[in-house]
Amino acid sequence: MRTFLLLTLLSSLLISGCRQVPRPESRAVPTAISPVPAGAWTIKMVQSGGIMGLSRSLEVTSDGKFTVVDNRANKTINGNISPDELSNINDLVSSSEYIPPSKPNGMVCADCFIYELEIQTSGKKFAIQLNDISLPNSGLEPLVSRLSELMDTALQ
């Protein structure tokens, strides 16, 4: 009888320990989030990682001013982008819709670039972190690519 009670108790513990508990990343999220800028806005992007251990950032404001920082080279560049480029970035942000990954697991990527994107406008902030695996299906790849090109050009 004692063995039976012990086995029953042990089985109950094992069964209750095996129940599925929802993890934070598996919570329901909207299918798309649009980071549309209205009025004055600021876009910040940090690109880090990769085999070279890259660490650089870009900040662009709606008045066309930008700052690029390359931490590895200890280099900071300030400037103004052209009205056409500013319009292009504004259009990319306005047409972008973030699509959360369907599989949150498996998004870890050794030696990938990490992109931390933040858009602030009208007191609201949209912030997301992507990597080379999650970027292509995120809906934000054209914007991140354009911002990366702007950093590359400024740092040449």
Protein backbone atom coordinates (compact mmCIF):
# COMPACT_ATOMS: atom_id res chain seq x y z
CA MET A 1 0.00 0.00 0.00
CA ARG A 2 2.81 2.37 0.86
CA THR A 3 4.50 1.68 -2.50
CA PHE A 4 1.19 2.31 -4.29
CA LEU A 5 0.76 5.69 -2.56
CA LEU A 6 4.35 6.64 -3.32
CA LEU A 7 3.96 5.74 -7.01
CA THR A 8 0.68 7.65 -7.23
CA LEU A 9 2.22 10.72 -5.65
CA LEU A 10 5.28 10.50 -7.90
CA SER A 11 3.08 10.08 -11.01
CA SER A 12 0.97 13.07 -10.01
CA LEU A 13 4.07 15.23 -9.59
CA LEU A 14 5.47 14.12 -12.92
CA ILE A 15 2.22 14.77 -14.76
CA SER A 16 1.75 18.21 -13.21
CA GLY A 17 5.39 19.04 -13.98
CA CYS A 18 4.85 18.23 -17.65
CA ARG A 19 2.02 20.65 -18.28
CA GLN A 20 2.72 23.31 -20.84
CA VAL A 21 3.34 26.76 -19.44
CA PRO A 22 3.17 29.60 -21.96
CA ARG A 23 6.49 31.39 -22.32
CA PRO A 24 6.61 35.18 -22.61
CA GLU A 25 7.71 35.11 -26.25
CA SER A 26 4.75 32.92 -27.23
CA ARG A 27 2.12 35.45 -26.15
CA ALA A 28 -0.27 36.57 -28.83
CA VAL A 29 1.04 39.61 -30.69
CA PRO A 30 -0.50 41.68 -33.44
CA THR A 31 0.28 40.47 -36.94
CA ALA A 32 1.75 43.83 -37.93
CA ILE A 33 2.86 47.00 -36.20
CA SER A 34 3.33 50.13 -38.25
CA PRO A 35 5.97 52.57 -36.95
CA VAL A 36 4.54 55.54 -38.89
CA PRO A 37 6.21 58.85 -38.06
CA ALA A 38 3.97 61.88 -37.67
CA GLY A 39 5.41 65.33 -37.12
CA ALA A 40 8.92 65.52 -35.69
CA TRP A 41 10.61 62.14 -35.37
CA THR A 42 13.92 60.51 -34.48
CA ILE A 43 15.19 57.20 -35.82
CA LYS A 44 18.03 55.41 -34.05
CA MET A 45 19.66 52.22 -35.22
CA VAL A 46 22.48 50.33 -33.54
CA GLN A 47 24.25 47.65 -35.55
CA SER A 48 26.49 45.30 -33.62
CA GLY A 49 27.99 41.83 -33.76
CA GLY A 50 29.19 39.87 -36.70
CA ILE A 51 32.56 38.15 -36.95
CA MET A 52 34.33 41.54 -36.74
CA GLY A 53 32.52 42.59 -33.56
CA LEU A 54 30.99 45.63 -35.23
CA SER A 55 29.58 48.36 -32.97
CA ARG A 56 28.11 51.39 -34.67
CA SER A 57 25.02 53.55 -34.53
CA LEU A 58 23.03 56.06 -36.54
CA GLU A 59 20.57 58.69 -35.41
CA VAL A 60 18.50 60.62 -37.95
CA THR A 61 16.00 63.36 -37.11
CA SER A 62 13.11 64.66 -39.16
CA ASP A 63 15.00 67.91 -39.82
CA GLY A 64 17.66 65.94 -41.77
CA LYS A 65 20.44 65.93 -39.17
CA PHE A 66 22.30 62.70 -38.58
CA THR A 67 25.00 61.35 -36.32
CA VAL A 68 26.95 58.18 -37.06
CA VAL A 69 29.20 56.63 -34.40
CA ASP A 70 31.66 53.80 -35.02
CA ASN A 71 32.75 52.64 -31.56
CA ARG A 72 35.51 50.33 -32.81
CA ALA A 73 37.14 53.09 -34.88
CA ASN A 74 36.36 55.74 -32.23
CA LYS A 75 34.83 57.89 -34.97
CA THR A 76 31.79 60.20 -34.91
CA ILE A 77 30.34 61.89 -37.99
CA ASN A 78 27.65 64.60 -37.92
CA GLY A 79 25.94 65.91 -40.99
CA ASN A 80 22.76 66.62 -42.90
CA ILE A 81 21.13 64.31 -45.39
CA SER A 82 19.60 65.66 -48.57
CA PRO A 83 15.87 66.43 -48.72
CA ASP A 84 15.47 63.55 -51.22
CA GLU A 85 17.18 61.10 -48.85
CA LEU A 86 15.11 62.39 -45.94
CA SER A 87 11.95 61.88 -47.98
CA ASN A 88 13.11 58.37 -48.90
CA ILE A 89 13.69 57.43 -45.25
CA ASN A 90 10.35 58.93 -44.24
CA ASP A 91 8.62 56.92 -47.00
CA LEU A 92 10.37 53.71 -45.89
CA VAL A 93 9.29 54.23 -42.29
CA SER A 94 5.74 55.15 -43.30
CA SER A 95 5.37 52.07 -45.49
CA SER A 96 7.03 49.63 -43.08
CA GLU A 97 4.99 47.22 -41.03
CA TYR A 98 6.75 45.07 -38.48
CA ILE A 99 5.73 41.43 -38.72
CA PRO A 100 6.67 39.45 -35.59
CA PRO A 101 8.40 36.13 -36.24
CA SER A 102 6.11 33.12 -36.34
CA LYS A 103 8.72 31.02 -34.55
CA PRO A 104 10.38 32.91 -31.68
CA ASN A 105 12.66 29.94 -30.99
CA GLY A 106 15.64 29.47 -33.27
CA MET A 107 16.21 33.18 -33.75
CA VAL A 108 19.60 32.98 -32.06
CA CYS A 109 22.35 33.46 -34.59
CA ALA A 110 26.06 33.20 -33.85
CA ASP A 111 28.14 35.81 -35.71
CA CYS A 112 25.06 37.59 -37.06
CA PHE A 113 24.56 41.29 -37.02
CA ILE A 114 22.10 42.57 -34.42
CA TYR A 115 19.99 45.59 -35.38
CA GLU A 116 18.33 47.61 -32.63
CA LEU A 117 15.85 49.98 -34.23
CA GLU A 118 14.01 52.72 -32.35
CA ILE A 119 11.58 55.25 -33.83
CA GLN A 120 10.27 58.07 -31.62
CA THR A 121 7.49 60.38 -32.68
CA SER A 122 4.78 62.35 -30.91
CA GLY A 123 5.81 60.98 -27.52
CA LYS A 124 5.49 57.38 -28.75
CA LYS A 125 8.32 54.92 -29.19
CA PHE A 126 8.59 51.85 -31.40
CA ALA A 127 11.62 49.69 -30.57
CA ILE A 128 12.63 46.30 -31.93
CA GLN A 129 15.72 44.12 -32.04
CA LEU A 130 16.37 42.02 -35.13
CA ASN A 131 19.20 39.88 -36.43
CA ASP A 132 20.26 38.55 -39.82
CA ILE A 133 17.84 35.62 -39.47
CA SER A 134 14.75 37.56 -38.32
CA LEU A 135 15.32 40.66 -40.51
CA PRO A 136 14.25 39.32 -43.95
CA ASN A 137 10.71 38.41 -42.83
CA SER A 138 10.25 41.32 -40.41
CA GLY A 139 8.85 43.86 -42.87
CA LEU A 140 11.65 46.23 -41.84
CA GLU A 141 14.47 45.00 -44.08
CA PRO A 142 14.23 47.88 -46.63
CA LEU A 143 14.46 50.47 -43.83
CA VAL A 144 17.32 48.72 -42.02
CA SER A 145 19.18 48.28 -45.32
CA ARG A 146 18.82 51.96 -46.19
CA LEU A 147 19.96 53.06 -42.74
CA SER A 148 22.96 50.69 -42.97
CA GLU A 149 23.86 52.17 -46.37
CA LEU A 150 23.68 55.66 -44.88
CA MET A 151 26.07 54.58 -42.09
CA ASP A 152 28.46 52.98 -44.60
CA THR A 153 28.51 56.12 -46.76
CA ALA A 154 29.09 58.46 -43.83
CA LEU A 155 31.94 56.32 -42.44
CA GLN A 156 33.89 56.09 -45.73
